[in-house]
Protein backbone atom coordinates (compact mmCIF):
# COMPACT_ATOMS: atom_id res chain seq x y z
CA MET A 1 139.26 65.04 247.21
CA ALA A 2 141.72 63.76 244.64
CA ARG A 3 142.03 60.14 243.54
CA ARG A 4 145.01 58.32 242.17
CA GLU A 5 144.87 57.41 238.48
CA ASP A 6 143.97 53.82 239.40
CA ASP A 7 141.03 55.24 241.40
CA GLU A 8 141.90 53.05 244.38
CA VAL A 9 142.71 55.76 246.92
CA ARG A 10 141.16 59.09 247.82
CA HIS A 11 143.12 61.93 249.37
CA LEU A 12 142.28 65.35 250.77
CA THR A 13 145.26 67.69 250.64
CA ASP A 14 143.72 71.05 249.72
CA ILE A 15 140.47 72.82 248.91
CA PRO A 16 141.06 73.29 245.13
CA SER A 17 141.32 69.51 244.63
CA LEU A 18 137.87 69.02 246.18
CA SER A 19 135.19 68.53 243.53
CA ASP A 20 131.74 70.04 243.97
CA ALA A 21 130.32 66.52 244.26
CA ASP A 22 132.79 65.58 247.00
CA LEU A 23 132.13 68.84 248.82
CA GLY A 24 128.40 68.18 248.83
CA GLU A 25 128.89 64.60 249.95
CA ILE A 26 131.20 65.56 252.84
CA LEU A 27 128.76 68.17 254.13
CA ALA A 28 125.80 65.79 253.79
CA ARG A 29 127.60 62.95 255.56
CA ALA A 30 128.78 65.24 258.34
CA GLU A 31 125.25 66.51 258.90
CA ALA A 32 123.93 62.94 259.04
CA ILE A 33 126.57 61.99 261.61
CA ARG A 34 125.78 65.13 263.62
CA ARG A 35 122.12 64.07 263.70
CA GLY A 36 123.12 60.70 265.14
CA GLU A 37 122.99 58.51 262.03
CA ALA A 38 125.61 55.77 262.22
CA PRO A 39 128.25 56.11 259.48
CA SER A 40 129.60 53.15 257.53
CA PRO A 41 132.43 51.51 259.49
CA PHE A 42 135.96 52.21 258.30
CA PRO A 43 137.65 49.06 256.97
CA GLY A 44 140.74 48.97 259.19
CA SER A 45 143.27 51.35 260.72
CA ILE A 46 144.00 55.05 260.34
CA ALA A 47 147.36 56.49 261.37
CA SER A 48 147.95 60.03 262.55
CA ILE A 49 151.25 61.92 262.52
CA PHE A 50 151.32 65.37 264.09
CA TYR A 51 154.75 66.89 263.58
CA GLU A 52 153.31 70.15 264.97
CA PRO A 53 151.47 70.51 268.31
CA SER A 54 147.68 70.42 268.17
CA THR A 55 144.73 70.09 270.49
CA ARG A 56 141.54 70.72 268.51
CA THR A 57 142.53 69.18 265.21
CA GLU A 58 144.26 66.10 266.59
CA MET A 59 141.62 65.33 269.20
CA SER A 60 138.76 65.78 266.73
CA PHE A 61 140.45 63.47 264.23
CA LEU A 62 140.81 60.85 266.97
CA LYS A 63 137.14 61.32 267.86
CA ALA A 64 136.28 61.04 264.15
CA MET A 65 138.09 57.70 263.98
CA ASP A 66 136.02 56.52 266.93
CA LEU A 67 132.80 57.68 265.25
CA ILE A 68 133.48 55.57 262.15
CA GLY A 69 134.86 52.56 264.01
CA ALA A 70 138.43 52.84 262.74
CA HIS A 71 141.38 51.56 264.72
CA PRO A 72 143.65 54.56 265.47
CA LEU A 73 147.42 54.31 265.10
CA ARG A 74 148.59 57.48 266.84
CA MET A 75 152.26 58.10 266.14
CA LEU A 76 154.07 60.55 268.41
CA PRO A 77 157.06 61.93 266.47
CA GLU A 78 159.05 62.65 269.63
CA ARG A 79 158.82 58.95 270.57
CA SER A 80 159.36 57.54 267.09
CA SER A 81 162.18 56.99 264.61
CA VAL A 82 161.71 60.58 263.51
CA THR A 83 164.15 61.38 266.32
CA LYS A 84 166.66 59.15 264.51
CA GLY A 85 166.29 60.96 261.20
CA GLU A 86 163.51 58.94 259.54
CA SER A 87 161.90 60.82 256.66
CA PRO A 88 158.13 61.35 256.35
CA GLU A 89 158.13 59.17 253.23
CA GLU A 90 159.72 56.26 255.10
CA THR A 91 157.37 56.78 258.04
CA VAL A 92 154.28 56.61 255.83
CA LYS A 93 155.61 53.51 254.06
CA THR A 94 156.09 51.87 257.46
CA LEU A 95 152.58 52.82 258.60
CA ALA A 96 151.16 51.41 255.39
CA ALA A 97 153.11 48.19 255.93
CA VAL A 98 151.53 47.69 259.36
CA GLY A 99 148.07 48.16 257.88
CA ALA A 100 147.16 51.86 257.87
CA ARG A 101 144.67 52.51 255.05
CA ALA A 102 144.84 56.26 255.62
CA VAL A 103 147.29 58.69 257.20
CA VAL A 104 146.34 62.02 258.77
CA ILE A 105 149.32 64.36 258.81
CA ARG A 106 150.10 67.79 260.23
CA THR A 107 153.42 69.35 259.31
CA SER A 108 155.26 72.64 259.11
CA GLU A 109 156.40 71.73 255.57
CA PRO A 110 154.08 73.14 252.89
CA LEU A 111 152.96 70.61 250.23
CA LEU A 112 154.34 67.58 252.11
CA PRO A 113 150.88 65.88 252.13
CA GLU A 114 150.68 66.34 248.37
CA ARG A 115 154.07 64.69 247.97
CA LEU A 116 153.07 61.73 250.14
CA LYS A 117 150.03 60.82 248.01
CA ALA A 118 152.15 58.66 245.70
CA ILE A 119 153.11 56.23 248.48
CA GLY A 120 149.87 54.29 248.87
CA PRO A 121 147.46 54.99 251.72
CA GLY A 122 144.96 57.83 251.61
CA ILE A 123 146.51 61.10 252.78
CA VAL A 124 144.47 63.64 254.73
CA ASN A 125 146.07 67.02 255.30
CA ALA A 126 145.59 68.26 258.88
CA GLY A 127 147.51 71.47 258.13
CA ASP A 128 150.74 71.95 256.19
CA GLY A 129 152.76 75.01 257.13
CA CYS A 130 151.26 78.25 255.82
CA HIS A 131 149.68 76.43 252.88
CA GLU A 132 146.33 74.69 253.53
CA HIS A 133 144.04 73.31 256.23
CA PRO A 134 141.15 71.80 254.25
CA THR A 135 139.21 70.09 257.05
CA GLN A 136 139.22 73.36 259.03
CA ALA A 137 137.67 75.11 256.04
CA LEU A 138 135.03 72.39 255.74
CA LEU A 139 134.08 72.54 259.42
CA ASP A 140 133.96 76.34 259.28
CA ALA A 141 131.59 76.18 256.32
CA ALA A 142 129.46 73.49 257.98
CA THR A 143 129.24 75.56 261.17
CA LEU A 144 127.96 78.57 259.25
CA ILE A 145 125.47 76.43 257.29
CA GLU A 146 124.14 75.01 260.57
CA VAL A 147 123.46 78.55 261.86
CA LYS A 148 122.66 80.54 258.71
CA GLY A 149 121.43 77.83 256.32
CA THR A 150 123.75 78.87 253.50
CA LEU A 151 126.91 80.81 252.74
CA GLU A 152 125.37 82.39 249.65
CA GLY A 153 125.44 86.16 250.11
CA LEU A 154 126.92 85.94 253.61
CA ARG A 155 129.32 88.78 254.46
CA VAL A 156 132.43 87.35 256.14
CA LEU A 157 135.37 89.37 257.47
CA ILE A 158 138.60 87.52 258.33
CA VAL A 159 140.90 89.54 260.59
CA GLY A 160 144.49 88.90 261.60
CA ASP A 161 147.67 87.22 260.44
CA HIS A 162 146.86 86.20 256.88
CA LEU A 163 150.50 85.97 255.84
CA HIS A 164 151.10 82.87 257.96
CA SER A 165 147.55 81.48 258.11
CA ARG A 166 146.60 78.26 256.35
CA VAL A 167 143.07 78.83 257.69
CA SER A 168 142.79 82.13 255.85
CA ARG A 169 143.86 80.41 252.63
CA SER A 170 141.56 77.39 252.99
CA SER A 171 138.48 78.87 254.67
CA GLY A 172 138.63 82.09 252.71
CA ARG A 173 138.83 80.19 249.43
CA LEU A 174 135.98 77.84 250.34
CA PHE A 175 133.73 80.64 251.61
CA VAL A 176 134.13 82.51 248.32
CA ARG A 177 133.51 79.34 246.36
CA MET A 178 130.28 78.79 248.28
CA GLY A 179 128.97 82.26 247.53
CA ALA A 180 130.08 84.37 250.50
CA ARG A 181 131.48 87.87 250.18
CA VAL A 182 134.84 87.64 251.92
CA ARG A 183 137.09 90.50 252.98
CA LEU A 184 140.48 90.35 254.70
CA ALA A 185 141.58 92.82 257.35
CA GLY A 186 144.74 93.21 259.40
CA PRO A 187 148.09 94.97 259.56
CA ALA A 188 149.49 95.65 256.09
CA GLU A 189 152.57 93.50 256.74
CA LEU A 190 150.29 90.52 257.55
CA THR A 191 147.67 91.03 254.82
CA PRO A 192 149.20 90.62 251.35
CA PRO A 193 147.00 92.07 248.57
CA ALA A 194 148.12 89.20 246.33
CA LEU A 195 146.59 86.70 248.75
CA ALA A 196 143.26 88.48 248.77
CA GLU A 197 143.28 88.51 244.99
CA ALA A 198 144.16 84.80 244.83
CA LEU A 199 141.25 83.97 247.15
CA GLY A 200 138.77 86.18 245.32
CA ALA A 201 138.43 88.30 248.47
CA GLY A 202 138.49 92.03 249.06
CA LEU A 203 140.66 94.09 251.40
CA ALA A 204 139.36 96.12 254.34
CA GLU A 205 141.32 98.93 255.96
CA ASP A 206 138.89 100.21 258.63
CA LEU A 207 137.85 97.46 261.05
CA GLU A 208 135.09 99.37 262.83
CA GLY A 209 133.40 100.51 259.64
CA GLU A 210 133.75 97.08 258.09
CA LEU A 211 132.15 95.32 261.05
CA ALA A 212 128.99 97.37 260.50
CA GLU A 213 128.68 95.71 257.07
CA THR A 214 129.59 92.18 258.20
CA ASP A 215 127.56 89.13 259.24
CA VAL A 216 130.44 86.98 260.54
CA VAL A 217 133.90 87.96 261.74
CA MET A 218 136.63 85.34 262.00
CA ALA A 219 139.66 86.35 264.07
CA LEU A 220 142.99 84.68 263.32
CA ARG A 221 145.81 83.96 265.74
CA ILE A 222 149.02 85.93 265.38
CA GLN A 223 151.42 83.08 264.64
CA LYS A 224 154.55 84.21 266.43
CA GLU A 225 156.15 80.79 265.97
CA ARG A 226 156.26 81.30 262.18
CA GLN A 227 157.84 84.78 262.36
CA ALA A 228 161.62 84.86 262.33
CA ILE A 229 161.34 88.60 263.00
CA PRO A 230 158.29 89.68 265.04
CA LEU A 231 155.90 91.51 262.72
CA VAL A 232 153.61 92.62 265.56
CA PRO A 233 155.96 94.08 268.18
CA ASP A 234 153.18 95.75 270.20
CA LEU A 235 150.33 93.36 271.00
CA GLY A 236 148.44 96.04 272.91
CA GLU A 237 148.38 98.25 269.84
CA TYR A 238 147.27 95.30 267.71
CA ARG A 239 144.34 94.72 270.07
CA ARG A 240 143.39 98.40 269.96
CA VAL A 241 143.35 98.54 266.15
CA TRP A 242 142.47 95.01 265.04
CA GLY A 243 141.26 93.05 268.06
CA ILE A 244 137.69 91.83 268.43
CA THR A 245 137.28 93.35 271.87
CA LYS A 246 134.23 92.96 274.08
CA GLU A 247 133.41 96.64 273.53
CA ARG A 248 133.72 96.40 269.76
CA PHE A 249 131.70 93.17 269.65
CA ALA A 250 128.93 94.74 271.76
CA ARG A 251 128.54 97.61 269.28
CA HIS A 252 127.46 95.13 266.59
CA PRO A 253 124.61 93.07 268.11
CA ASP A 254 123.96 90.96 264.98
CA LEU A 255 127.59 89.99 264.44
CA LEU A 256 128.67 86.34 264.79
CA LEU A 257 132.18 85.45 265.97
CA MET A 258 134.50 82.65 264.80
CA HIS A 259 138.10 81.69 265.59
CA PRO A 260 139.93 78.51 264.50
CA GLY A 261 141.86 78.41 267.80
CA PRO A 262 143.91 78.48 269.80
CA ALA A 263 143.32 82.16 270.45
CA ASN A 264 145.71 84.66 272.00
CA LEU A 265 143.04 85.86 274.44
CA GLY A 266 143.17 89.57 275.01
CA VAL A 267 144.96 90.13 271.71
CA GLU A 268 142.97 89.12 268.62
CA VAL A 269 139.84 88.33 270.65
CA ASP A 270 138.81 89.05 274.24
CA GLY A 271 138.27 86.05 276.46
CA GLU A 272 134.96 87.42 277.74
CA ILE A 273 133.27 86.93 274.35
CA VAL A 274 134.61 83.48 273.40
CA ASP A 275 131.58 81.86 275.04
CA ASP A 276 129.09 84.61 274.17
CA GLU A 277 125.79 83.39 272.69
CA ARG A 278 126.86 84.93 269.36
CA SER A 279 130.19 83.10 269.36
CA LEU A 280 130.49 80.02 267.15
CA ILE A 281 133.94 79.07 268.45
CA ARG A 282 132.82 76.02 270.47
CA SER A 283 130.47 75.03 267.65
CA GLN A 284 133.44 74.98 265.29
CA VAL A 285 135.23 72.55 267.60
CA ARG A 286 132.18 70.29 267.89
CA MET A 287 131.67 70.30 264.12
CA GLY A 288 135.27 69.23 263.56
CA SER A 289 134.73 65.59 264.50
CA PHE A 290 131.68 65.24 262.24
CA ILE A 291 133.42 66.75 259.22
CA ARG A 292 136.56 64.70 259.78
CA ALA A 293 134.52 61.50 260.25
CA ALA A 294 132.86 62.20 256.89
CA VAL A 295 136.22 62.78 255.18
CA LEU A 296 137.83 59.69 256.67
CA GLY A 297 134.80 57.59 255.79
CA MET A 298 135.08 58.59 252.14
CA VAL A 299 138.80 57.84 252.16
CA GLY A 300 138.07 54.43 253.66
CA GLU A 301 135.44 53.50 251.10
CA ALA A 302 137.85 54.26 248.27
CA SER A 303 140.60 52.16 249.86
CA ILE A 304 138.66 48.89 250.06
């Protein structure tokens, strides 16, 4: 959670900028909020700009604002001056002028949140293109800690479209940092070896054999909207080779299931197991508001 040189504003734009102290504080605050402890009230308004569609992330950020007593300024790009050509920089300056102390932003443009940090209010990255999704990584880690107690030594397999996934980049990096053994699996064209190396993760070629040596499997959505040329032309074949099917899941009775959502049901994961007792998918959604309340609270304290 980076600060400006004058130390007046905190931002969260990626996992590498998060110090160990900030990571510990976010997780501790989120756990306290989850237990029902009232967080410190946010001193003012928080704006949100979602240039990309979202359900889970946007709604949990709005719930997080409610949890910390912040006044939400929800900007809908399709009903704003964005339709008239207004730049993100000008939009954030305007939101700051009307009193926003922090701005939550989702965008298809990688590194845009990093660029906006110089403007003034605290910037919280809610997903930027194929680059990073830091609060998703934090809620994924917190969900696993709630169930397993620690990530140290945990064997995590992430399966799917790594090439276009900001979740793979953020969650994979954070899991490794917190002591998990992480391996990436998926079609070769969607699983770059260079990415695995950058994350400190390994590569897995045989899904069935790998699942036998795995504690947690996280399935990733095939992001067709980010593929100019479809890289998975046969979804049925993808499910057969890489999907977490109900039959495959049943063969591994100790395996836990995660998915950042939304899922292509019947492709990367079967709908019948989304609400299985070993699925953490709904727990991830519930954890999102607590993690995001903790992050926004820390941003607010630094902006007073």
